Amino acid sequence: MLESIPLNLPELSSDYEDVYSQFENLMTEFSANLGSTSAMAHMDPPTPKIAAQIVGLNAAYNQNLLHPDLSPLATKIEERAIAWLLPFFSMNDGHFCAGSTIANLTAIWCAREHGAKRVIASQDAHMSVAKAAHILGIKFTSVPADSDGRMKNDDLGDLKDACLVLTAGTTGRGVVDSLAPTDALWTHIDAAWAGPLRLTKHAHILDGIETADSVAISAHKWFYQPKDSALILFADRKARHKVSYGGSYLATPNVGVQGSRSAAAIPLMATLMLWGRTGLATRIEKNMSDALKLAEFLHLHQAIELKQMPETAVVNWRPTNKSIEQVLATLGETSSRTQIDKEVWVRQVAANPSADVDLIISKIKNAVEN
C-alpha cells in the first residue's frame, strides 16, 4: 500500500502533478467506497460533490473561526446555518465543532458549570459520554438497557444534581432512549446519528428533544458532510457564557472546547441550499425505507435471526446456519459487526443514499445460502 511512499522525509521537491496523481491513485485504490451501491455497513455516508469541493475552498482560504477578523464570511455563515437548524430542535443557540465527541464534551462541561455533579447514561451510550465525564472529573454511572436497547429509566432516583445523557440513535442498534422530561438538573441528548430525522417525515421519533438543555448532532452522519463536522445546540442563549474563555489576543470570547477550528458550516450550508430541506429529507427517508425493506427480508429468511425491527435505519442480524465470521468475510463493505449484550451481530446501517437494497439483499442471501 505504501511501497511508493518514501520511508524518510525527502530532501528535494517533486513535481506537483506527479505527487497529486500519486495520492489520487492511492486514495482511489485503498479507501473505502462509501458511495458504492453495496455499501451499507457504517454510519458514514458519501460526501456530496458540492461539500467536497467547498472543503477544498475552505482549505485554500484557511479561515479560522477563533478569530472573526480571519473568518468574516465563515463566522456569518455559521450563525446563519445554526439559525436555519435551531427551530427543528427547539433550541436557541449553538456552534459547530469537530465531531460529536467534542459536542458531548462541551454539553457535559456546560452541565458541570451549571452545577451537575454526576453524569448518567445508558450502557449503550457512545463511549464519548464516559470519556467526557472522565476528562471533566465527574462521576459517571452507566444504566442498564432493556431488551430493545433503551435506557431503563424507571429507577434513576433523584436527578437534581445530575446531567442525564439520553441517546437518540445508539451506535449498535440505532435505538432512541425515551426523551420524556425528567427532573434532571441538565438533560443532554446525544443525537449524533438520528438528529437529522427532525427535518423529515420521521420527526416524531425524536419527540421530546425540544425539552432538552443541549443536543449534539454529527453533521458527518445524516447531514452527509465530510468528517470533523458536528453541532452542539443549547436551549439557553446564555449557556455559551459557561463554556467561553477570553484572551488578550482575542477580539471576542472563544466559545466551546476548540480554539482554532475550520469553517465546517460552509459546506453544510451549500449542501442544504442545493438540496433544500426536501432533498435532504428524501435521502434520509430512502435510507429509512431501505433499512425496513432489508429487515423484512431478514425476518422472513429461515437461516437468519433478526434482532429487532429498525427504528433509525440500523439493522442487526446473524446467520443460524454458519458462523458470523464466514458471512462477514463474504459481505465485505456491505456489512459491519457490533456487540449486543456481549454477543456478536452483523450490523447494517443505511447511511448511503446510493445504496441498492436489492443488490444488498442478494449479496446477503448468497452469503448465507452458499
Protein backbone atom coordinates (compact mmCIF):
# COMPACT_ATOMS: atom_id res chain seq x y z
CA MET A 1 0.00 0.00 0.00
CA LEU A 2 2.78 2.46 0.92
CA GLU A 3 5.52 0.99 -1.28
CA SER A 4 5.64 4.18 -3.38
CA ILE A 5 5.92 6.49 -0.34
CA PRO A 6 9.49 7.25 0.83
CA LEU A 7 10.44 5.87 4.24
CA ASN A 8 12.11 9.17 5.16
CA LEU A 9 11.30 12.82 4.55
CA PRO A 10 12.52 13.78 1.04
CA GLU A 11 15.24 16.42 0.81
CA LEU A 12 14.24 17.78 -2.58
CA SER A 13 10.95 18.94 -4.07
CA SER A 14 8.89 16.90 -6.53
CA ASP A 15 6.66 17.68 -9.47
CA TYR A 16 3.20 18.82 -8.34
CA GLU A 17 1.25 16.73 -10.87
CA ASP A 18 3.26 13.62 -10.01
CA VAL A 19 2.61 13.95 -6.28
CA TYR A 20 -1.07 14.76 -6.74
CA SER A 21 -1.60 11.82 -9.11
CA GLN A 22 0.23 9.52 -6.73
CA PHE A 23 -2.08 10.37 -3.83
CA GLU A 24 -5.18 10.38 -6.01
CA ASN A 25 -4.38 6.86 -7.19
CA LEU A 26 -3.57 5.61 -3.70
CA MET A 27 -6.75 7.04 -2.21
CA THR A 28 -8.89 5.70 -5.04
CA GLU A 29 -7.48 2.20 -4.68
CA PHE A 30 -7.21 1.88 -0.92
CA SER A 31 -10.09 3.94 0.51
CA ALA A 32 -13.49 2.55 1.45
CA ASN A 33 -16.04 3.43 -1.22
CA LEU A 34 -18.84 4.77 0.96
CA GLY A 35 -20.96 5.59 -2.09
CA SER A 36 -20.84 2.08 -3.56
CA THR A 37 -24.24 0.60 -4.37
CA SER A 38 -23.41 -2.26 -1.98
CA ALA A 39 -22.16 -0.09 0.91
CA MET A 40 -24.48 -0.38 3.91
CA ALA A 41 -22.14 -1.08 6.79
CA HIS A 42 -21.37 2.06 8.80
CA MET A 43 -22.77 5.44 9.91
CA ASP A 44 -20.51 7.13 7.37
CA PRO A 45 -22.22 8.41 4.22
CA PRO A 46 -20.55 9.50 0.99
CA THR A 47 -19.90 13.25 0.84
CA PRO A 48 -21.90 15.15 -1.81
CA LYS A 49 -19.77 16.68 -4.55
CA ILE A 50 -20.62 20.26 -3.59
CA ALA A 51 -19.50 19.72 0.02
CA ALA A 52 -16.26 18.04 -1.06
CA GLN A 53 -15.42 20.89 -3.43
CA ILE A 54 -16.16 23.57 -0.86
CA VAL A 55 -13.95 21.80 1.68
CA GLY A 56 -11.17 22.43 -0.84
CA LEU A 57 -12.08 26.13 -0.96
CA ASN A 58 -12.11 26.21 2.84
CA ALA A 59 -8.62 24.77 2.92
CA ALA A 60 -7.40 27.29 0.34
CA TYR A 61 -8.67 30.25 2.38
CA ASN A 62 -7.85 28.55 5.69
CA GLN A 63 -10.42 30.55 7.66
CA ASN A 64 -10.14 30.30 11.46
CA LEU A 65 -13.33 30.63 13.49
CA LEU A 66 -11.26 31.53 16.56
CA HIS A 67 -10.64 34.97 15.07
CA PRO A 68 -13.66 36.63 13.39
CA ASP A 69 -11.35 39.02 11.58
CA LEU A 70 -9.78 35.98 9.86
CA SER A 71 -13.18 34.48 9.03
CA PRO A 72 -15.62 37.31 8.28
CA LEU A 73 -17.67 35.15 5.91
CA ALA A 74 -17.33 31.86 7.78
CA THR A 75 -18.46 33.41 11.06
CA LYS A 76 -21.63 34.82 9.48
CA ILE A 77 -22.30 31.59 7.56
CA GLU A 78 -22.08 29.59 10.79
CA GLU A 79 -24.53 31.93 12.51
CA ARG A 80 -26.96 31.61 9.58
CA ALA A 81 -26.64 27.82 9.31
CA ILE A 82 -27.24 27.41 13.03
CA ALA A 83 -30.27 29.72 12.77
CA TRP A 84 -31.68 27.52 9.98
CA LEU A 85 -31.48 24.38 12.13
CA LEU A 86 -32.35 25.60 15.64
CA PRO A 87 -36.17 25.61 15.11
CA PHE A 88 -36.25 21.90 14.24
CA PHE A 89 -34.88 21.10 17.71
CA SER A 90 -36.48 23.98 19.66
CA MET A 91 -33.00 25.16 20.65
CA ASN A 92 -31.85 28.79 20.77
CA ASP A 93 -28.08 28.82 20.32
CA GLY A 94 -25.20 26.67 19.17
CA HIS A 95 -21.96 26.31 17.29
CA PHE A 96 -20.07 23.86 15.09
CA CYS A 97 -17.29 21.62 16.37
CA ALA A 98 -15.14 18.75 15.12
CA GLY A 99 -17.37 15.76 15.82
CA SER A 100 -19.93 14.71 18.40
CA THR A 101 -17.27 13.57 20.86
CA ILE A 102 -16.41 17.25 21.26
CA ALA A 103 -20.09 18.22 21.15
CA ASN A 104 -20.84 15.81 24.02
CA LEU A 105 -17.84 17.05 25.97
CA THR A 106 -19.00 20.65 25.51
CA ALA A 107 -22.51 19.85 26.71
CA ILE A 108 -21.36 17.93 29.79
CA TRP A 109 -18.84 20.67 30.58
CA CYS A 110 -21.69 23.19 30.40
CA ALA A 111 -23.80 20.97 32.66
CA ARG A 112 -20.99 20.83 35.22
CA GLU A 113 -20.71 24.62 35.17
CA HIS A 114 -24.45 24.75 35.89
CA GLY A 115 -23.95 22.55 38.96
CA ALA A 116 -24.12 18.95 37.74
CA LYS A 117 -22.02 16.67 39.94
CA ARG A 118 -22.51 13.40 38.08
CA VAL A 119 -23.31 12.03 34.62
CA ILE A 120 -25.82 9.25 33.97
CA ALA A 121 -26.18 7.46 30.63
CA SER A 122 -27.23 4.12 29.19
CA GLN A 123 -24.81 1.24 28.86
CA ASP A 124 -25.34 1.65 25.11
CA ALA A 125 -24.44 5.34 25.10
CA HIS A 126 -21.49 6.36 22.97
CA MET A 127 -18.10 5.96 24.65
CA SER A 128 -17.55 9.73 24.33
CA VAL A 129 -20.01 10.30 27.19
CA ALA A 130 -17.98 8.32 29.72
CA LYS A 131 -14.83 9.86 28.26
CA ALA A 132 -16.20 13.38 28.78
CA ALA A 133 -17.11 12.61 32.39
CA HIS A 134 -13.60 11.28 32.99
CA ILE A 135 -11.95 14.34 31.44
CA LEU A 136 -14.14 16.67 33.49
CA GLY A 137 -13.65 14.75 36.73
CA ILE A 138 -17.34 13.94 37.21
CA LYS A 139 -18.69 10.62 38.48
CA PHE A 140 -20.14 8.54 35.64
CA THR A 141 -22.92 5.98 36.11
CA SER A 142 -23.88 3.52 33.39
CA VAL A 143 -27.52 2.46 33.48
CA PRO A 144 -28.67 -0.90 32.02
CA ALA A 145 -30.65 -1.01 28.78
CA ASP A 146 -33.83 -3.02 28.30
CA SER A 147 -34.26 -5.83 25.79
CA ASP A 148 -34.86 -3.31 22.99
CA GLY A 149 -31.69 -1.38 23.81
CA ARG A 150 -33.36 1.60 25.51
CA MET A 151 -32.13 3.04 28.78
CA LYS A 152 -34.02 1.69 31.80
CA ASN A 153 -35.12 4.98 33.33
CA ASP A 154 -37.80 3.78 35.75
CA ASP A 155 -35.45 3.73 38.77
CA LEU A 156 -32.97 6.57 38.28
CA GLY A 157 -33.79 8.19 41.60
CA ASP A 158 -33.27 11.88 42.35
CA LEU A 159 -31.58 13.55 39.38
CA LYS A 160 -31.47 17.09 40.69
CA ASP A 161 -27.66 17.12 40.74
CA ALA A 162 -27.20 15.05 37.57
CA CYS A 163 -26.52 15.51 33.89
CA LEU A 164 -28.73 12.89 32.25
CA VAL A 165 -27.48 11.90 28.80
CA LEU A 166 -30.08 10.33 26.51
CA THR A 167 -29.16 8.77 23.18
CA ALA A 168 -31.16 9.41 20.02
CA GLY A 169 -29.83 6.61 17.84
CA THR A 170 -27.40 4.26 19.59
CA THR A 171 -24.35 3.19 17.62
CA GLY A 172 -25.05 -0.52 17.81
CA ARG A 173 -28.82 -0.68 17.29
CA GLY A 174 -29.93 2.82 16.33
CA VAL A 175 -32.36 2.87 19.27
CA VAL A 176 -33.77 6.09 20.73
CA ASP A 177 -33.98 6.38 24.51
CA SER A 178 -37.19 7.76 25.98
CA LEU A 179 -36.87 11.53 25.58
CA ALA A 180 -39.65 12.35 28.06
CA PRO A 181 -38.76 15.15 30.52
CA THR A 182 -37.27 14.21 33.90
CA ASP A 183 -36.21 16.16 36.99
CA ALA A 184 -32.55 16.08 35.95
CA LEU A 185 -30.56 19.24 36.57
CA TRP A 186 -29.40 19.07 32.95
CA THR A 187 -30.62 16.85 30.11
CA HIS A 188 -28.32 16.34 27.16
CA ILE A 189 -29.44 14.40 24.09
CA ASP A 190 -26.74 12.77 22.03
CA ALA A 191 -28.50 12.83 18.66
CA ALA A 192 -25.28 12.33 16.71
CA TRP A 193 -26.94 9.76 14.45
CA ALA A 194 -30.69 10.36 14.47
CA GLY A 195 -30.86 14.13 14.96
CA PRO A 196 -31.48 14.99 11.28
CA LEU A 197 -34.68 12.93 11.37
CA ARG A 198 -36.22 16.11 12.78
CA LEU A 199 -36.15 17.52 9.23
CA THR A 200 -38.05 14.54 7.79
CA LYS A 201 -41.43 12.85 7.98
CA HIS A 202 -39.93 10.74 10.79
CA ALA A 203 -39.51 13.77 13.10
CA HIS A 204 -41.88 12.25 15.69
CA ILE A 205 -39.30 9.57 16.55
CA LEU A 206 -37.41 12.29 18.42
CA ASP A 207 -40.42 13.87 20.13
CA GLY A 208 -39.27 15.20 23.49
CA ILE A 209 -35.98 16.54 22.17
CA GLU A 210 -37.46 20.03 22.45
CA THR A 211 -37.31 19.80 26.27
CA ALA A 212 -33.54 19.13 26.40
CA ASP A 213 -30.95 21.60 27.65
CA SER A 214 -28.49 20.61 24.92
CA VAL A 215 -28.36 18.49 21.77
CA ALA A 216 -25.38 17.07 19.87
CA ILE A 217 -25.60 16.20 16.14
CA SER A 218 -22.95 14.75 13.84
CA ALA A 219 -23.19 16.61 10.54
CA HIS A 220 -20.86 13.97 9.08
CA LYS A 221 -23.57 11.37 9.53
CA TRP A 222 -27.12 12.10 8.32
CA PHE A 223 -26.31 15.62 7.12
CA TYR A 224 -23.91 13.83 4.72
CA GLN A 225 -20.96 16.13 5.46
CA PRO A 226 -17.20 15.49 5.47
CA LYS A 227 -15.56 14.37 8.72
CA ASP A 228 -14.92 16.78 11.61
CA SER A 229 -18.34 18.42 11.32
CA ALA A 230 -20.82 18.44 14.21
CA LEU A 231 -23.14 20.79 16.07
CA ILE A 232 -23.76 21.46 19.74
CA LEU A 233 -27.07 23.22 20.37
CA PHE A 234 -28.32 24.84 23.59
CA ALA A 235 -31.80 25.76 24.79
CA ASP A 236 -30.49 28.76 26.76
CA ARG A 237 -28.73 31.51 24.83
CA LYS A 238 -26.74 32.33 27.98
CA ALA A 239 -25.32 28.80 28.19
CA ARG A 240 -22.41 29.78 25.94
CA HIS A 241 -21.08 32.04 28.70
CA LYS A 242 -20.41 28.95 30.84
CA VAL A 243 -18.14 27.48 28.16
CA SER A 244 -16.41 30.66 26.96
CA TYR A 245 -12.92 31.97 27.59
CA GLY A 246 -11.38 35.29 26.66
CA GLY A 247 -7.80 36.33 25.98
CA SER A 248 -5.87 39.49 25.33
CA TYR A 249 -5.31 38.42 21.71
CA LEU A 250 -9.00 37.63 21.06
CA ALA A 251 -11.49 40.14 19.71
CA THR A 252 -14.39 38.01 21.05
CA PRO A 253 -14.53 35.22 23.66
CA ASN A 254 -13.68 31.72 22.47
CA VAL A 255 -16.80 29.55 22.81
CA GLY A 256 -16.56 25.80 23.38
CA VAL A 257 -13.76 23.26 23.68
CA GLN A 258 -11.87 24.06 20.49
CA GLY A 259 -9.73 27.07 19.80
CA SER A 260 -8.87 27.18 16.12
CA ARG A 261 -11.46 25.39 14.00
CA SER A 262 -12.39 25.23 10.35
CA ALA A 263 -15.41 26.65 8.53
CA ALA A 264 -17.47 23.44 8.62
CA ALA A 265 -20.74 25.37 8.30
CA ILE A 266 -19.97 26.48 4.73
CA PRO A 267 -20.13 23.04 3.03
CA LEU A 268 -23.23 22.17 5.08
CA MET A 269 -24.97 25.39 4.07
CA ALA A 270 -24.05 24.82 0.42
CA THR A 271 -25.42 21.26 0.61
CA LEU A 272 -28.69 22.43 2.17
CA MET A 273 -29.04 25.23 -0.38
CA LEU A 274 -28.51 22.77 -3.23
CA TRP A 275 -30.86 20.10 -1.89
CA GLY A 276 -33.31 22.12 0.20
CA ARG A 277 -34.94 20.54 3.23
CA THR A 278 -36.99 18.26 1.00
CA GLY A 279 -33.88 17.00 -0.80
CA LEU A 280 -32.19 16.17 2.50
CA ALA A 281 -35.38 14.52 3.76
CA THR A 282 -35.71 12.44 0.58
CA ARG A 283 -32.24 10.97 1.10
CA ILE A 284 -32.77 10.19 4.78
CA GLU A 285 -36.22 8.77 4.12
CA LYS A 286 -34.76 6.48 1.43
CA ASN A 287 -32.23 5.26 3.99
CA MET A 288 -35.08 4.55 6.42
CA SER A 289 -37.13 2.65 3.83
CA ASP A 290 -34.05 0.70 2.65
CA ALA A 291 -33.40 -0.45 6.23
CA LEU A 292 -37.02 -1.50 6.67
CA LYS A 293 -37.05 -3.46 3.38
CA LEU A 294 -33.82 -5.22 4.37
CA ALA A 295 -35.21 -6.06 7.82
CA GLU A 296 -38.38 -7.51 6.32
CA PHE A 297 -36.29 -9.80 4.11
CA LEU A 298 -34.09 -10.88 7.04
CA HIS A 299 -37.14 -11.55 9.22
CA LEU A 300 -38.59 -13.99 6.69
CA HIS A 301 -35.37 -15.85 5.86
CA GLN A 302 -35.21 -19.25 7.57
CA ALA A 303 -31.41 -19.16 8.04
CA ILE A 304 -31.32 -15.68 9.61
CA GLU A 305 -32.18 -14.34 13.04
CA LEU A 306 -33.23 -10.67 13.06
CA LYS A 307 -32.54 -8.93 16.37
CA GLN A 308 -35.37 -6.40 16.05
CA MET A 309 -37.04 -4.17 13.51
CA PRO A 310 -35.03 -0.99 12.84
CA GLU A 311 -36.01 2.28 14.49
CA THR A 312 -33.49 4.60 12.82
CA ALA A 313 -32.13 2.62 9.84
CA VAL A 314 -29.77 0.35 11.79
CA VAL A 315 -30.35 -3.40 11.31
CA ASN A 316 -28.84 -6.24 13.37
CA TRP A 317 -28.97 -9.91 12.40
CA ARG A 318 -26.97 -13.13 12.40
CA PRO A 319 -26.96 -16.37 10.40
CA THR A 320 -28.23 -19.52 12.06
CA ASN A 321 -26.56 -21.99 9.68
CA LYS A 322 -22.93 -20.77 9.64
CA SER A 323 -20.53 -18.53 11.55
CA ILE A 324 -20.80 -14.75 11.53
CA GLU A 325 -17.12 -14.56 10.56
CA GLN A 326 -17.77 -16.56 7.39
CA VAL A 327 -20.63 -14.30 6.42
CA LEU A 328 -18.77 -11.06 7.17
CA ALA A 329 -15.78 -12.21 5.12
CA THR A 330 -18.09 -12.73 2.15
CA LEU A 331 -20.04 -9.48 2.52
CA GLY A 332 -17.11 -7.05 2.88
CA GLU A 333 -18.24 -3.41 2.63
CA THR A 334 -21.87 -4.47 2.74
CA SER A 335 -21.85 -5.19 6.48
CA SER A 336 -20.06 -4.48 9.74
CA ARG A 337 -20.21 -6.06 13.18
CA THR A 338 -21.38 -4.96 16.60
CA GLN A 339 -21.80 -6.45 20.06
CA ILE A 340 -25.16 -6.60 21.81
CA ASP A 341 -25.09 -7.99 25.36
CA LYS A 342 -21.61 -9.39 24.63
CA GLU A 343 -22.84 -11.29 21.57
CA VAL A 344 -21.60 -10.52 18.07
CA TRP A 345 -24.19 -9.49 15.49
CA VAL A 346 -23.97 -8.39 11.87
CA ARG A 347 -24.83 -4.71 11.53
CA GLN A 348 -26.18 -2.84 8.51
CA VAL A 349 -26.52 0.95 8.59
CA ALA A 350 -28.48 2.73 5.88
CA ALA A 351 -26.47 5.95 5.55
CA ASN A 352 -25.69 5.76 1.84
CA PRO A 353 -28.34 7.29 -0.48
CA SER A 354 -26.76 5.43 -3.40
CA ALA A 355 -27.21 2.00 -1.84
CA ASP A 356 -29.10 -0.57 -3.88
CA VAL A 357 -31.02 -2.51 -1.24
CA ASP A 358 -32.00 -5.23 -3.70
CA LEU A 359 -28.32 -5.80 -4.51
CA ILE A 360 -27.50 -5.92 -0.80
CA ILE A 361 -30.29 -8.41 -0.14
CA SER A 362 -28.93 -10.55 -2.99
CA LYS A 363 -25.40 -10.47 -1.51
CA ILE A 364 -26.65 -11.43 1.94
CA LYS A 365 -28.80 -14.23 0.50
CA ASN A 366 -25.77 -15.58 -1.37
CA ALA A 367 -23.51 -15.31 1.71
CA VAL A 368 -25.96 -17.20 3.90
CA GLU A 369 -27.13 -19.87 1.44
CA ASN A 370 -23.88 -20.79 -0.33
